[in-house]
Amino acid sequence: MLLEKIKQSNDSEPIERGDVICINDEGEAKKVSCLEDTFKTIGICSDIEKGNNGVQIEICVNGFIDANTNDTLLEPGDLLVAEVDGTVKCKTAEDDDIDIIGMALSKVIDNKILIKCK
């Protein structure tokens, strides 16, 4: 798993492990929260570290990780994109312009799915 640490944006809503993370205009990490964010995804939150210099988000940019999802119909092999609530969903024809985050490697269990981030 390839992990990167990026400072959390001050205007970001709370981030949890498994959330889809994007980058803002200042180069800080935030949870995907709108359609525009789905075009700037960088990975999945692996860990959150609070320190004197603010909050650092550890992001899986390549490798296997559990991601949050509300799409209970996901199957292994499905291509995944970001949803506007910071979760992953199956890529559809309507999502043609949205970057693929990765591929599902398992079925959904308790709103989590094992994915291979690309």
PDB file of N, CA and C in Angstrom:
ATOM      1  N   MET A   1       0.845  -1.173   0.000  1.00  0.00           N
ATOM      2  CA  MET A   1       0.000   0.000   0.000  1.00  0.00           C
ATOM      3  C   MET A   1       0.891   1.237   0.000  1.00  0.00           C
ATOM      4  N   LEU A   2       0.631   2.156  -0.895  1.00  0.00           N
ATOM      5  CA  LEU A   2       1.357   3.421  -0.963  1.00  0.00           C
ATOM      6  C   LEU A   2       0.525   4.485  -0.262  1.00  0.00           C
ATOM      7  N   LEU A   3       1.098   5.059   0.803  1.00  0.00           N
ATOM      8  CA  LEU A   3       0.396   6.059   1.608  1.00  0.00           C
ATOM      9  C   LEU A   3       1.096   7.403   1.502  1.00  0.00           C
ATOM     10  N   GLU A   4       0.301   8.458   1.510  1.00  0.00           N
ATOM     11  CA  GLU A   4       0.822   9.825   1.522  1.00  0.00           C
ATOM     12  C   GLU A   4       0.115  10.591   2.630  1.00  0.00           C
ATOM     13  N   LYS A   5       0.826  11.510   3.287  1.00  0.00           N
ATOM     14  CA  LYS A   5       0.214  12.353   4.313  1.00  0.00           C
ATOM     15  C   LYS A   5       0.057  13.763   3.764  1.00  0.00           C
ATOM     16  N   ILE A   6      -1.145  14.315   3.942  1.00  0.00           N
ATOM     17  CA  ILE A   6      -1.446  15.670   3.480  1.00  0.00           C
ATOM     18  C   ILE A   6      -2.228  16.380   4.578  1.00  0.00           C
ATOM     19  N   LYS A   7      -1.939  17.647   4.788  1.00  0.00           N
ATOM     20  CA  LYS A   7      -2.648  18.445   5.781  1.00  0.00           C
ATOM     21  C   LYS A   7      -4.125  18.529   5.420  1.00  0.00           C
ATOM     22  N   GLN A   8      -4.984  18.416   6.458  1.00  0.00           N
ATOM     23  CA  GLN A   8      -6.422  18.521   6.238  1.00  0.00           C
ATOM     24  C   GLN A   8      -6.822  19.974   6.065  1.00  0.00           C
ATOM     25  N   SER A   9      -7.719  20.213   5.139  1.00  0.00           N
ATOM     26  CA  SER A   9      -8.276  21.535   4.912  1.00  0.00           C
ATOM     27  C   SER A   9      -9.087  21.967   6.125  1.00  0.00           C
ATOM     28  N   ASN A  10      -9.003  23.235   6.470  1.00  0.00           N
ATOM     29  CA  ASN A  10      -9.781  23.754   7.598  1.00  0.00           C
ATOM     30  C   ASN A  10     -11.273  23.732   7.332  1.00  0.00           C
ATOM     31  N   ASP A  11     -11.672  23.838   6.059  1.00  0.00           N
ATOM     32  CA  ASP A  11     -13.096  23.892   5.733  1.00  0.00           C
ATOM     33  C   ASP A  11     -13.688  22.512   5.446  1.00  0.00           C
ATOM     34  N   SER A  12     -12.925  21.462   5.725  1.00  0.00           N
ATOM     35  CA  SER A  12     -13.380  20.108   5.435  1.00  0.00           C
ATOM     36  C   SER A  12     -14.345  19.611   6.503  1.00  0.00           C
ATOM     37  N   GLU A  13     -15.348  18.863   6.057  1.00  0.00           N
ATOM     38  CA  GLU A  13     -16.203  18.204   7.034  1.00  0.00           C
ATOM     39  C   GLU A  13     -15.408  17.069   7.665  1.00  0.00           C
ATOM     40  N   PRO A  14     -15.891  16.521   8.793  1.00  0.00           N
ATOM     41  CA  PRO A  14     -15.140  15.456   9.463  1.00  0.00           C
ATOM     42  C   PRO A  14     -14.796  14.305   8.509  1.00  0.00           C
ATOM     43  N   ILE A  15     -13.583  13.795   8.654  1.00  0.00           N
ATOM     44  CA  ILE A  15     -13.104  12.710   7.795  1.00  0.00           C
ATOM     45  C   ILE A  15     -12.953  11.457   8.641  1.00  0.00           C
ATOM     46  N   GLU A  16     -13.378  10.322   8.076  1.00  0.00           N
ATOM     47  CA  GLU A  16     -13.241   9.026   8.741  1.00  0.00           C
ATOM     48  C   GLU A  16     -12.436   8.097   7.852  1.00  0.00           C
ATOM     49  N   ARG A  17     -11.862   7.052   8.452  1.00  0.00           N
ATOM     50  CA  ARG A  17     -11.185   6.028   7.662  1.00  0.00           C
ATOM     51  C   ARG A  17     -12.165   5.478   6.641  1.00  0.00           C
ATOM     52  N   GLY A  18     -11.686   5.314   5.414  1.00  0.00           N
ATOM     53  CA  GLY A  18     -12.518   4.776   4.348  1.00  0.00           C
ATOM     54  C   GLY A  18     -13.186   5.826   3.490  1.00  0.00           C
ATOM     55  N   ASP A  19     -13.125   7.104   3.886  1.00  0.00           N
ATOM     56  CA  ASP A  19     -13.718   8.178   3.085  1.00  0.00           C
ATOM     57  C   ASP A  19     -12.856   8.473   1.856  1.00  0.00           C
ATOM     58  N   VAL A  20     -13.503   8.902   0.782  1.00  0.00           N
ATOM     59  CA  VAL A  20     -12.797   9.325  -0.424  1.00  0.00           C
ATOM     60  C   VAL A  20     -12.300  10.750  -0.192  1.00  0.00           C
ATOM     61  N   ILE A  21     -11.015  10.954  -0.489  1.00  0.00           N
ATOM     62  CA  ILE A  21     -10.363  12.236  -0.237  1.00  0.00           C
ATOM     63  C   ILE A  21      -9.999  12.895  -1.566  1.00  0.00           C
ATOM     64  N   CYS A  22     -10.180  14.216  -1.594  1.00  0.00           N
ATOM     65  CA  CYS A  22      -9.771  14.999  -2.770  1.00  0.00           C
ATOM     66  C   CYS A  22      -8.848  16.109  -2.285  1.00  0.00           C
ATOM     67  N   ILE A  23      -8.362  16.872  -3.220  1.00  0.00           N
ATOM     68  CA  ILE A  23      -7.441  17.967  -2.920  1.00  0.00           C
ATOM     69  C   ILE A  23      -8.158  19.285  -3.223  1.00  0.00           C
ATOM     70  N   ASN A  24      -7.960  20.303  -2.365  1.00  0.00           N
ATOM     71  CA  ASN A  24      -8.575  21.598  -2.644  1.00  0.00           C
ATOM     72  C   ASN A  24      -7.584  22.504  -3.375  1.00  0.00           C
ATOM     73  N   ASP A  25      -7.985  23.732  -3.633  1.00  0.00           N
ATOM     74  CA  ASP A  25      -7.152  24.657  -4.406  1.00  0.00           C
ATOM     75  C   ASP A  25      -5.862  25.045  -3.678  1.00  0.00           C
ATOM     76  N   GLU A  26      -5.820  24.864  -2.358  1.00  0.00           N
ATOM     77  CA  GLU A  26      -4.622  25.181  -1.582  1.00  0.00           C
ATOM     78  C   GLU A  26      -3.708  23.962  -1.414  1.00  0.00           C
ATOM     79  N   GLY A  27      -4.078  22.833  -2.028  1.00  0.00           N
ATOM     80  CA  GLY A  27      -3.278  21.622  -1.931  1.00  0.00           C
ATOM     81  C   GLY A  27      -3.480  20.860  -0.638  1.00  0.00           C
ATOM     82  N   GLU A  28      -4.613  21.091   0.024  1.00  0.00           N
ATOM     83  CA  GLU A  28      -4.927  20.405   1.271  1.00  0.00           C
ATOM     84  C   GLU A  28      -5.977  19.326   1.028  1.00  0.00           C
ATOM     85  N   ALA A  29      -5.981  18.326   1.924  1.00  0.00           N
ATOM     86  CA  ALA A  29      -6.905  17.200   1.790  1.00  0.00           C
ATOM     87  C   ALA A  29      -8.260  17.533   2.388  1.00  0.00           C
ATOM     88  N   LYS A  30      -9.317  17.070   1.705  1.00  0.00           N
ATOM     89  CA  LYS A  30     -10.666  17.193   2.235  1.00  0.00           C
ATOM     90  C   LYS A  30     -11.510  16.027   1.744  1.00  0.00           C
ATOM     91  N   LYS A  31     -12.572  15.756   2.465  1.00  0.00           N
ATOM     92  CA  LYS A  31     -13.502  14.706   2.071  1.00  0.00           C
ATOM     93  C   LYS A  31     -14.299  15.171   0.863  1.00  0.00           C
ATOM     94  N   VAL A  32     -14.506  14.293  -0.086  1.00  0.00           N
ATOM     95  CA  VAL A  32     -15.339  14.618  -1.244  1.00  0.00           C
ATOM     96  C   VAL A  32     -16.732  14.971  -0.744  1.00  0.00           C
ATOM     97  N   SER A  33     -17.232  16.154  -1.148  1.00  0.00           N
ATOM     98  CA  SER A  33     -18.532  16.597  -0.645  1.00  0.00           C
ATOM     99  C   SER A  33     -19.416  17.266  -1.695  1.00  0.00           C
ATOM    100  N   CYS A  34     -18.947  17.323  -2.945  1.00  0.00           N
ATOM    101  CA  CYS A  34     -19.760  17.898  -4.010  1.00  0.00           C
ATOM    102  C   CYS A  34     -19.289  17.322  -5.349  1.00  0.00           C
ATOM    103  N   LEU A  35     -20.055  17.556  -6.402  1.00  0.00           N
ATOM    104  CA  LEU A  35     -19.726  16.994  -7.714  1.00  0.00           C
ATOM    105  C   LEU A  35     -18.348  17.438  -8.189  1.00  0.00           C
ATOM    106  N   GLU A  36     -18.000  18.698  -7.987  1.00  0.00           N
ATOM    107  CA  GLU A  36     -16.683  19.199  -8.412  1.00  0.00           C
ATOM    108  C   GLU A  36     -15.548  18.410  -7.754  1.00  0.00           C
ATOM    109  N   ASP A  37     -15.723  18.021  -6.494  1.00  0.00           N
ATOM    110  CA  ASP A  37     -14.699  17.264  -5.772  1.00  0.00           C
ATOM    111  C   ASP A  37     -14.432  15.897  -6.406  1.00  0.00           C
ATOM    112  N   THR A  38     -15.443  15.292  -7.039  1.00  0.00           N
ATOM    113  CA  THR A  38     -15.279  13.949  -7.614  1.00  0.00           C
ATOM    114  C   THR A  38     -14.280  13.939  -8.761  1.00  0.00           C
ATOM    115  N   PHE A  39     -13.954  15.105  -9.288  1.00  0.00           N
ATOM    116  CA  PHE A  39     -12.972  15.208 -10.369  1.00  0.00           C
ATOM    117  C   PHE A  39     -11.558  15.417  -9.834  1.00  0.00           C
ATOM    118  N   LYS A  40     -11.403  15.546  -8.498  1.00  0.00           N
ATOM    119  CA  LYS A  40     -10.110  15.837  -7.894  1.00  0.00           C
ATOM    120  C   LYS A  40      -9.731  14.815  -6.828  1.00  0.00           C
ATOM    121  N   THR A  41     -10.221  13.582  -6.953  1.00  0.00           N
ATOM    122  CA  THR A  41      -9.947  12.574  -5.934  1.00  0.00           C
ATOM    123  C   THR A  41      -8.475  12.152  -5.977  1.00  0.00           C
ATOM    124  N   ILE A  42      -7.936  11.874  -4.774  1.00  0.00           N
ATOM    125  CA  ILE A  42      -6.541  11.426  -4.702  1.00  0.00           C
ATOM    126  C   ILE A  42      -6.391  10.083  -4.000  1.00  0.00           C
ATOM    127  N   GLY A  43      -7.418   9.630  -3.288  1.00  0.00           N
ATOM    128  CA  GLY A  43      -7.317   8.335  -2.622  1.00  0.00           C
ATOM    129  C   GLY A  43      -8.341   8.166  -1.521  1.00  0.00           C
ATOM    130  N   ILE A  44      -8.063   7.175  -0.651  1.00  0.00           N
ATOM    131  CA  ILE A  44      -8.955   6.808   0.446  1.00  0.00           C
ATOM    132  C   ILE A  44      -8.247   7.059   1.776  1.00  0.00           C
ATOM    133  N   CYS A  45      -8.960   7.651   2.738  1.00  0.00           N
ATOM    134  CA  CYS A  45      -8.381   7.918   4.056  1.00  0.00           C
ATOM    135  C   CYS A  45      -8.026   6.608   4.746  1.00  0.00           C
ATOM    136  N   SER A  46      -6.764   6.519   5.157  1.00  0.00           N
ATOM    137  CA  SER A  46      -6.265   5.353   5.877  1.00  0.00           C
ATOM    138  C   SER A  46      -6.151   5.627   7.374  1.00  0.00           C
ATOM    139  N   ASP A  47      -5.787   6.871   7.730  1.00  0.00           N
ATOM    140  CA  ASP A  47      -5.613   7.224   9.128  1.00  0.00           C
ATOM    141  C   ASP A  47      -5.653   8.739   9.265  1.00  0.00           C
ATOM    142  N   ILE A  48      -5.880   9.193  10.488  1.00  0.00           N
ATOM    143  CA  ILE A  48      -5.940  10.620  10.790  1.00  0.00           C
ATOM    144  C   ILE A  48      -5.007  10.869  11.968  1.00  0.00           C
ATOM    145  N   GLU A  49      -4.091  11.822  11.807  1.00  0.00           N
ATOM    146  CA  GLU A  49      -3.128  12.137  12.863  1.00  0.00           C
ATOM    147  C   GLU A  49      -3.276  13.595  13.261  1.00  0.00           C
ATOM    148  N   LYS A  50      -3.572  13.827  14.542  1.00  0.00           N
ATOM    149  CA  LYS A  50      -3.707  15.189  15.060  1.00  0.00           C
ATOM    150  C   LYS A  50      -2.414  15.569  15.756  1.00  0.00           C
ATOM    151  N   GLY A  51      -1.912  16.763  15.447  1.00  0.00           N
ATOM    152  CA  GLY A  51      -0.667  17.230  16.042  1.00  0.00           C
ATOM    153  C   GLY A  51      -0.657  18.735  16.190  1.00  0.00           C
ATOM    154  N   ASN A  52       0.494  19.261  16.562  1.00  0.00           N
ATOM    155  CA  ASN A  52       0.637  20.702  16.768  1.00  0.00           C
ATOM    156  C   ASN A  52       0.469  21.493  15.473  1.00  0.00           C
ATOM    157  N   ASN A  53       0.771  20.881  14.343  1.00  0.00           N
ATOM    158  CA  ASN A  53       0.679  21.562  13.046  1.00  0.00           C
ATOM    159  C   ASN A  53      -0.641  21.289  12.347  1.00  0.00           C
ATOM    160  N   GLY A  54      -1.668  20.916  13.094  1.00  0.00           N
ATOM    161  CA  GLY A  54      -2.966  20.628  12.494  1.00  0.00           C
ATOM    162  C   GLY A  54      -3.177  19.140  12.309  1.00  0.00           C
ATOM    163  N   VAL A  55      -4.121  18.811  11.473  1.00  0.00           N
ATOM    164  CA  VAL A  55      -4.488  17.419  11.235  1.00  0.00           C
ATOM    165  C   VAL A  55      -3.874  16.961   9.918  1.00  0.00           C
ATOM    166  N   GLN A  56      -3.196  15.817   9.966  1.00  0.00           N
ATOM    167  CA  GLN A  56      -2.621  15.200   8.773  1.00  0.00           C
ATOM    168  C   GLN A  56      -3.482  13.987   8.403  1.00  0.00           C
ATOM    169  N   ILE A  57      -3.865  13.893   7.148  1.00  0.00           N
ATOM    170  CA  ILE A  57      -4.654  12.767   6.656  1.00  0.00           C
ATOM    171  C   ILE A  57      -3.712  11.827   5.918  1.00  0.00           C
ATOM    172  N   GLU A  58      -3.667  10.569   6.365  1.00  0.00           N
ATOM    173  CA  GLU A  58      -2.886   9.544   5.671  1.00  0.00           C
ATOM    174  C   GLU A  58      -3.801   8.943   4.606  1.00  0.00           C
ATOM    175  N   ILE A  59      -3.361   9.008   3.361  1.00  0.00           N
ATOM    176  CA  ILE A  59      -4.198   8.637   2.227  1.00  0.00           C
ATOM    177  C   ILE A  59      -3.577   7.482   1.465  1.00  0.00           C
ATOM    178  N   CYS A  60      -4.379   6.437   1.235  1.00  0.00           N
ATOM    179  CA  CYS A  60      -3.956   5.338   0.374  1.00  0.00           C
ATOM    180  C   CYS A  60      -4.149   5.793  -1.066  1.00  0.00           C
ATOM    181  N   VAL A  61      -3.034   5.935  -1.791  1.00  0.00           N
ATOM    182  CA  VAL A  61      -3.112   6.354  -3.190  1.00  0.00           C
ATOM    183  C   VAL A  61      -2.927   5.181  -4.141  1.00  0.00           C
ATOM    184  N   ASN A  62      -2.459   4.040  -3.594  1.00  0.00           N
ATOM    185  CA  ASN A  62      -2.288   2.839  -4.408  1.00  0.00           C
ATOM    186  C   ASN A  62      -2.200   1.647  -3.468  1.00  0.00           C
ATOM    187  N   GLY A  63      -3.003   0.638  -3.736  1.00  0.00           N
ATOM    188  CA  GLY A  63      -2.977  -0.560  -2.908  1.00  0.00           C
ATOM    189  C   GLY A  63      -4.366  -0.980  -2.484  1.00  0.00           C
ATOM    190  N   PHE A  64      -4.424  -1.931  -1.542  1.00  0.00           N
ATOM    191  CA  PHE A  64      -5.695  -2.464  -1.062  1.00  0.00           C
ATOM    192  C   PHE A  64      -6.119  -1.726   0.199  1.00  0.00           C
ATOM    193  N   ILE A  65      -7.399  -1.333   0.278  1.00  0.00           N
ATOM    194  CA  ILE A  65      -7.919  -0.638   1.460  1.00  0.00           C
ATOM    195  C   ILE A  65      -9.437  -0.793   1.494  1.00  0.00           C
ATOM    196  N   ASP A  66      -9.998  -0.735   2.703  1.00  0.00           N
ATOM    197  CA  ASP A  66     -11.453  -0.717   2.855  1.00  0.00           C
ATOM    198  C   ASP A  66     -11.951   0.696   2.620  1.00  0.00           C
ATOM    199  N   ALA A  67     -13.008   0.826   1.819  1.00  0.00           N
ATOM    200  CA  ALA A  67     -13.607   2.120   1.525  1.00  0.00           C
ATOM    201  C   ALA A  67     -15.063   2.106   1.974  1.00  0.00           C
ATOM    202  N   ASN A  68     -15.556   3.269   2.350  1.00  0.00           N
ATOM    203  CA  ASN A  68     -16.957   3.407   2.736  1.00  0.00           C
ATOM    204  C   ASN A  68     -17.828   3.450   1.488  1.00  0.00           C
ATOM    205  N   THR A  69     -19.010   2.827   1.582  1.00  0.00           N
ATOM    206  CA  THR A  69     -19.939   2.831   0.455  1.00  0.00           C
ATOM    207  C   THR A  69     -21.375   2.737   0.942  1.00  0.00           C
ATOM    208  N   ASN A  70     -22.284   3.274   0.156  1.00  0.00           N
ATOM    209  CA  ASN A  70     -23.718   3.108   0.382  1.00  0.00           C
ATOM    210  C   ASN A  70     -24.323   2.282  -0.743  1.00  0.00           C
ATOM    211  N   ASP A  71     -23.494   1.854  -1.690  1.00  0.00           N
ATOM    212  CA  ASP A  71     -23.929   1.068  -2.846  1.00  0.00           C
ATOM    213  C   ASP A  71     -23.868  -0.416  -2.482  1.00  0.00           C
ATOM    214  N   THR A  72     -24.964  -0.949  -1.992  1.00  0.00           N
ATOM    215  CA  THR A  72     -24.995  -2.335  -1.501  1.00  0.00           C
ATOM    216  C   THR A  72     -24.948  -3.366  -2.621  1.00  0.00           C
ATOM    217  N   LEU A  73     -25.063  -2.939  -3.873  1.00  0.00           N
ATOM    218  CA  LEU A  73     -25.079  -3.871  -5.001  1.00  0.00           C
ATOM    219  C   LEU A  73     -23.698  -4.082  -5.615  1.00  0.00           C
ATOM    220  N   LEU A  74     -22.649  -3.488  -5.038  1.00  0.00           N
ATOM    221  CA  LEU A  74     -21.301  -3.631  -5.592  1.00  0.00           C
ATOM    222  C   LEU A  74     -20.868  -5.090  -5.589  1.00  0.00           C
ATOM    223  N   GLU A  75     -20.156  -5.471  -6.642  1.00  0.00           N
ATOM    224  CA  GLU A  75     -19.638  -6.831  -6.810  1.00  0.00           C
ATOM    225  C   GLU A  75     -18.141  -6.763  -7.105  1.00  0.00           C
ATOM    226  N   PRO A  76     -17.399  -7.814  -6.759  1.00  0.00           N
ATOM    227  CA  PRO A  76     -15.985  -7.844  -7.126  1.00  0.00           C
ATOM    228  C   PRO A  76     -15.814  -7.611  -8.629  1.00  0.00           C
ATOM    229  N   GLY A  77     -14.869  -6.749  -8.979  1.00  0.00           N
ATOM    230  CA  GLY A  77     -14.613  -6.423 -10.379  1.00  0.00           C
ATOM    231  C   GLY A  77     -15.253  -5.127 -10.834  1.00  0.00           C
ATOM    232  N   ASP A  78     -16.211  -4.590 -10.062  1.00  0.00           N
ATOM    233  CA  ASP A  78     -16.837  -3.323 -10.435  1.00  0.00           C
ATOM    234  C   ASP A  78     -15.813  -2.191 -10.371  1.00  0.00           C
ATOM    235  N   LEU A  79     -15.845  -1.304 -11.344  1.00  0.00           N
ATOM    236  CA  LEU A  79     -15.022  -0.096 -11.306  1.00  0.00           C
ATOM    237  C   LEU A  79     -15.720   0.915 -10.414  1.00  0.00           C
ATOM    238  N   LEU A  80     -14.932   1.655  -9.617  1.00  0.00           N
ATOM    239  CA  LEU A  80     -15.493   2.535  -8.598  1.00  0.00           C
ATOM    240  C   LEU A  80     -15.127   3.988  -8.842  1.00  0.00           C
ATOM    241  N   VAL A  81     -16.093   4.861  -8.540  1.00  0.00           N
ATOM    242  CA  VAL A  81     -15.886   6.309  -8.598  1.00  0.00           C
ATOM    243  C   VAL A  81     -16.380   6.898  -7.280  1.00  0.00           C
ATOM    244  N   ALA A  82     -16.060   8.170  -7.049  1.00  0.00           N
ATOM    245  CA  ALA A  82     -16.483   8.855  -5.827  1.00  0.00           C
ATOM    246  C   ALA A  82     -17.930   9.304  -5.940  1.00  0.00           C
ATOM    247  N   GLU A  83     -18.626   9.206  -4.827  1.00  0.00           N
ATOM    248  CA  GLU A  83     -19.975   9.742  -4.677  1.00  0.00           C
ATOM    249  C   GLU A  83     -19.839  11.055  -3.923  1.00  0.00           C
ATOM    250  N   VAL A  84     -20.813  11.968  -4.054  1.00  0.00           N
ATOM    251  CA  VAL A  84     -20.702  13.299  -3.448  1.00  0.00           C
ATOM    252  C   VAL A  84     -20.757  13.297  -1.922  1.00  0.00           C
ATOM    253  N   ASP A  85     -20.980  12.140  -1.300  1.00  0.00           N
ATOM    254  CA  ASP A  85     -20.970  12.055   0.159  1.00  0.00           C
ATOM    255  C   ASP A  85     -19.662  11.462   0.690  1.00  0.00           C
ATOM    256  N   GLY A  86     -18.648  11.341  -0.174  1.00  0.00           N
ATOM    257  CA  GLY A  86     -17.345  10.833   0.256  1.00  0.00           C
ATOM    258  C   GLY A  86     -17.246   9.323   0.292  1.00  0.00           C
ATOM    259  N   THR A  87     -18.210   8.640  -0.308  1.00  0.00           N
ATOM    260  CA  THR A  87     -18.175   7.183  -0.398  1.00  0.00           C
ATOM    261  C   THR A  87     -17.865   6.773  -1.838  1.00  0.00           C
ATOM    262  N   VAL A  88     -17.713   5.457  -2.067  1.00  0.00           N
ATOM    263  CA  VAL A  88     -17.510   4.957  -3.422  1.00  0.00           C
ATOM    264  C   VAL A  88     -18.795   4.329  -3.936  1.00  0.00           C
ATOM    265  N   LYS A  89     -18.939   4.341  -5.262  1.00  0.00           N
ATOM    266  CA  LYS A  89     -20.079   3.703  -5.913  1.00  0.00           C
ATOM    267  C   LYS A  89     -19.603   3.104  -7.225  1.00  0.00           C
ATOM    268  N   CYS A  90     -20.459   2.275  -7.812  1.00  0.00           N
ATOM    269  CA  CYS A  90     -20.141   1.663  -9.093  1.00  0.00           C
ATOM    270  C   CYS A  90     -20.167   2.716 -10.196  1.00  0.00           C
ATOM    271  N   LYS A  91     -19.187   2.688 -11.070  1.00  0.00           N
ATOM    272  CA  LYS A  91     -19.136   3.602 -12.209  1.00  0.00           C
ATOM    273  C   LYS A  91     -20.253   3.243 -13.175  1.00  0.00           C
ATOM    274  N   THR A  92     -20.972   4.254 -13.633  1.00  0.00           N
ATOM    275  CA  THR A  92     -22.036   4.068 -14.621  1.00  0.00           C
ATOM    276  C   THR A  92     -21.717   4.911 -15.849  1.00  0.00           C
ATOM    277  N   ALA A  93     -22.526   4.780 -16.879  1.00  0.00           N
ATOM    278  CA  ALA A  93     -22.328   5.568 -18.100  1.00  0.00           C
ATOM    279  C   ALA A  93     -22.423   7.067 -17.802  1.00  0.00           C
ATOM    280  N   GLU A  94     -23.224   7.447 -16.815  1.00  0.00           N
ATOM    281  CA  GLU A  94     -23.363   8.852 -16.446  1.00  0.00           C
ATOM    282  C   GLU A  94     -22.101   9.414 -15.792  1.00  0.00           C
ATOM    283  N   ASP A  95     -21.250   8.529 -15.296  1.00  0.00           N
ATOM    284  CA  ASP A  95     -20.030   8.933 -14.597  1.00  0.00           C
ATOM    285  C   ASP A  95     -18.817   8.952 -15.519  1.00  0.00           C
ATOM    286  N   ASP A  96     -19.039   9.079 -16.817  1.00  0.00           N
ATOM    287  CA  ASP A  96     -17.964   8.985 -17.804  1.00  0.00           C
ATOM    288  C   ASP A  96     -16.807   9.938 -17.544  1.00  0.00           C
ATOM    289  N   ASP A  97     -17.088  11.140 -17.041  1.00  0.00           N
ATOM    290  CA  ASP A  97     -16.038  12.134 -16.842  1.00  0.00           C
ATOM    291  C   ASP A  97     -15.333  12.010 -15.490  1.00  0.00           C
ATOM    292  N   ILE A  98     -15.911  11.241 -14.573  1.00  0.00           N
ATOM    293  CA  ILE A  98     -15.346  11.120 -13.229  1.00  0.00           C
ATOM    294  C   ILE A  98     -14.218  10.094 -13.241  1.00  0.00           C
ATOM    295  N   ASP A  99     -13.119  10.433 -12.563  1.00  0.00           N
ATOM    296  CA  ASP A  99     -11.967   9.535 -12.491  1.00  0.00           C
ATOM    297  C   ASP A  99     -12.311   8.254 -11.749  1.00  0.00           C
ATOM    298  N   ILE A 100     -11.839   7.138 -12.263  1.00  0.00           N
ATOM    299  CA  ILE A 100     -11.996   5.853 -11.585  1.00  0.00           C
ATOM    300  C   ILE A 100     -11.022   5.813 -10.414  1.00  0.00           C
ATOM    301  N   ILE A 101     -11.529   5.491  -9.231  1.00  0.00           N
ATOM    302  CA  ILE A 101     -10.706   5.412  -8.027  1.00  0.00           C
ATOM    303  C   ILE A 101     -10.017   4.062  -7.951  1.00  0.00           C
ATOM    304  N   GLY A 102     -10.743   3.016  -8.331  1.00  0.00           N
ATOM    305  CA  GLY A 102     -10.194   1.676  -8.221  1.00  0.00           C
ATOM    306  C   GLY A 102     -11.214   0.627  -8.600  1.00  0.00           C
ATOM    307  N   MET A 103     -10.981  -0.598  -8.095  1.00  0.00           N
ATOM    308  CA  MET A 103     -11.833  -1.733  -8.421  1.00  0.00           C
ATOM    309  C   MET A 103     -12.251  -2.447  -7.144  1.00  0.00           C
ATOM    310  N   ALA A 104     -13.513  -2.863  -7.097  1.00  0.00           N
ATOM    311  CA  ALA A 104     -14.017  -3.628  -5.954  1.00  0.00           C
ATOM    312  C   ALA A 104     -13.375  -5.010  -5.943  1.00  0.00           C
ATOM    313  N   LEU A 105     -12.952  -5.454  -4.747  1.00  0.00           N
ATOM    314  CA  LEU A 105     -12.348  -6.777  -4.593  1.00  0.00           C
ATOM    315  C   LEU A 105     -13.201  -7.703  -3.732  1.00  0.00           C
ATOM    316  N   SER A 106     -14.293  -7.179  -3.184  1.00  0.00           N
ATOM    317  CA  SER A 106     -15.153  -7.976  -2.316  1.00  0.00           C
ATOM    318  C   SER A 106     -16.589  -7.503  -2.458  1.00  0.00           C
ATOM    319  N   LYS A 107     -17.470  -8.150  -1.754  1.00  0.00           N
ATOM    320  CA  LYS A 107     -18.838  -7.668  -1.630  1.00  0.00           C
ATOM    321  C   LYS A 107     -18.878  -6.689  -0.462  1.00  0.00           C
ATOM    322  N   VAL A 108     -19.963  -5.927  -0.365  1.00  0.00           N
ATOM    323  CA  VAL A 108     -20.128  -4.943   0.700  1.00  0.00           C
ATOM    324  C   VAL A 108     -20.502  -5.643   2.000  1.00  0.00           C
ATOM    325  N   ILE A 109     -19.788  -5.285   3.078  1.00  0.00           N
ATOM    326  CA  ILE A 109     -20.094  -5.777   4.419  1.00  0.00           C
ATOM    327  C   ILE A 109     -20.087  -4.576   5.356  1.00  0.00           C
ATOM    328  N   ASP A 110     -21.213  -4.309   6.000  1.00  0.00           N
ATOM    329  CA  ASP A 110     -21.339  -3.184   6.938  1.00  0.00           C
ATOM    330  C   ASP A 110     -20.910  -1.858   6.309  1.00  0.00           C
ATOM    331  N   ASN A 111     -21.357  -1.612   5.085  1.00  0.00           N
ATOM    332  CA  ASN A 111     -21.065  -0.371   4.349  1.00  0.00           C
ATOM    333  C   ASN A 111     -19.582  -0.141   4.086  1.00  0.00           C
ATOM    334  N   LYS A 112     -18.801  -1.228   4.055  1.00  0.00           N
ATOM    335  CA  LYS A 112     -17.375  -1.180   3.700  1.00  0.00           C
ATOM    336  C   LYS A 112     -17.141  -2.161   2.573  1.00  0.00           C
ATOM    337  N   ILE A 113     -16.176  -1.827   1.722  1.00  0.00           N
ATOM    338  CA  ILE A 113     -15.798  -2.726   0.630  1.00  0.00           C
ATOM    339  C   ILE A 113     -14.282  -2.662   0.440  1.00  0.00           C
ATOM    340  N   LEU A 114     -13.677  -3.814   0.243  1.00  0.00           N
ATOM    341  CA  LEU A 114     -12.245  -3.865  -0.032  1.00  0.00           C
ATOM    342  C   LEU A 114     -12.039  -3.455  -1.484  1.00  0.00           C
ATOM    343  N   ILE A 115     -11.168  -2.484  -1.703  1.00  0.00           N
ATOM    344  CA  ILE A 115     -10.899  -2.032  -3.074  1.00  0.00           C
ATOM    345  C   ILE A 115      -9.411  -2.041  -3.348  1.00  0.00           C
ATOM    346  N   LYS A 116      -9.077  -2.032  -4.612  1.00  0.00           N
ATOM    347  CA  LYS A 116      -7.706  -1.835  -5.083  1.00  0.00           C
ATOM    348  C   LYS A 116      -7.673  -0.419  -5.630  1.00  0.00           C
ATOM    349  N   CYS A 117      -7.013   0.492  -4.887  1.00  0.00           N
ATOM    350  CA  CYS A 117      -6.856   1.866  -5.375  1.00  0.00           C
ATOM    351  C   CYS A 117      -5.877   1.862  -6.528  1.00  0.00           C
ATOM    352  N   LYS A 118      -6.140   2.697  -7.510  1.00  0.00           N
ATOM    353  CA  LYS A 118      -5.195   2.782  -8.623  1.00  0.00           C
ATOM    354  C   LYS A 118      -4.349   4.013  -8.518  1.00  0.00           C
TER     355      LYS A 118
END
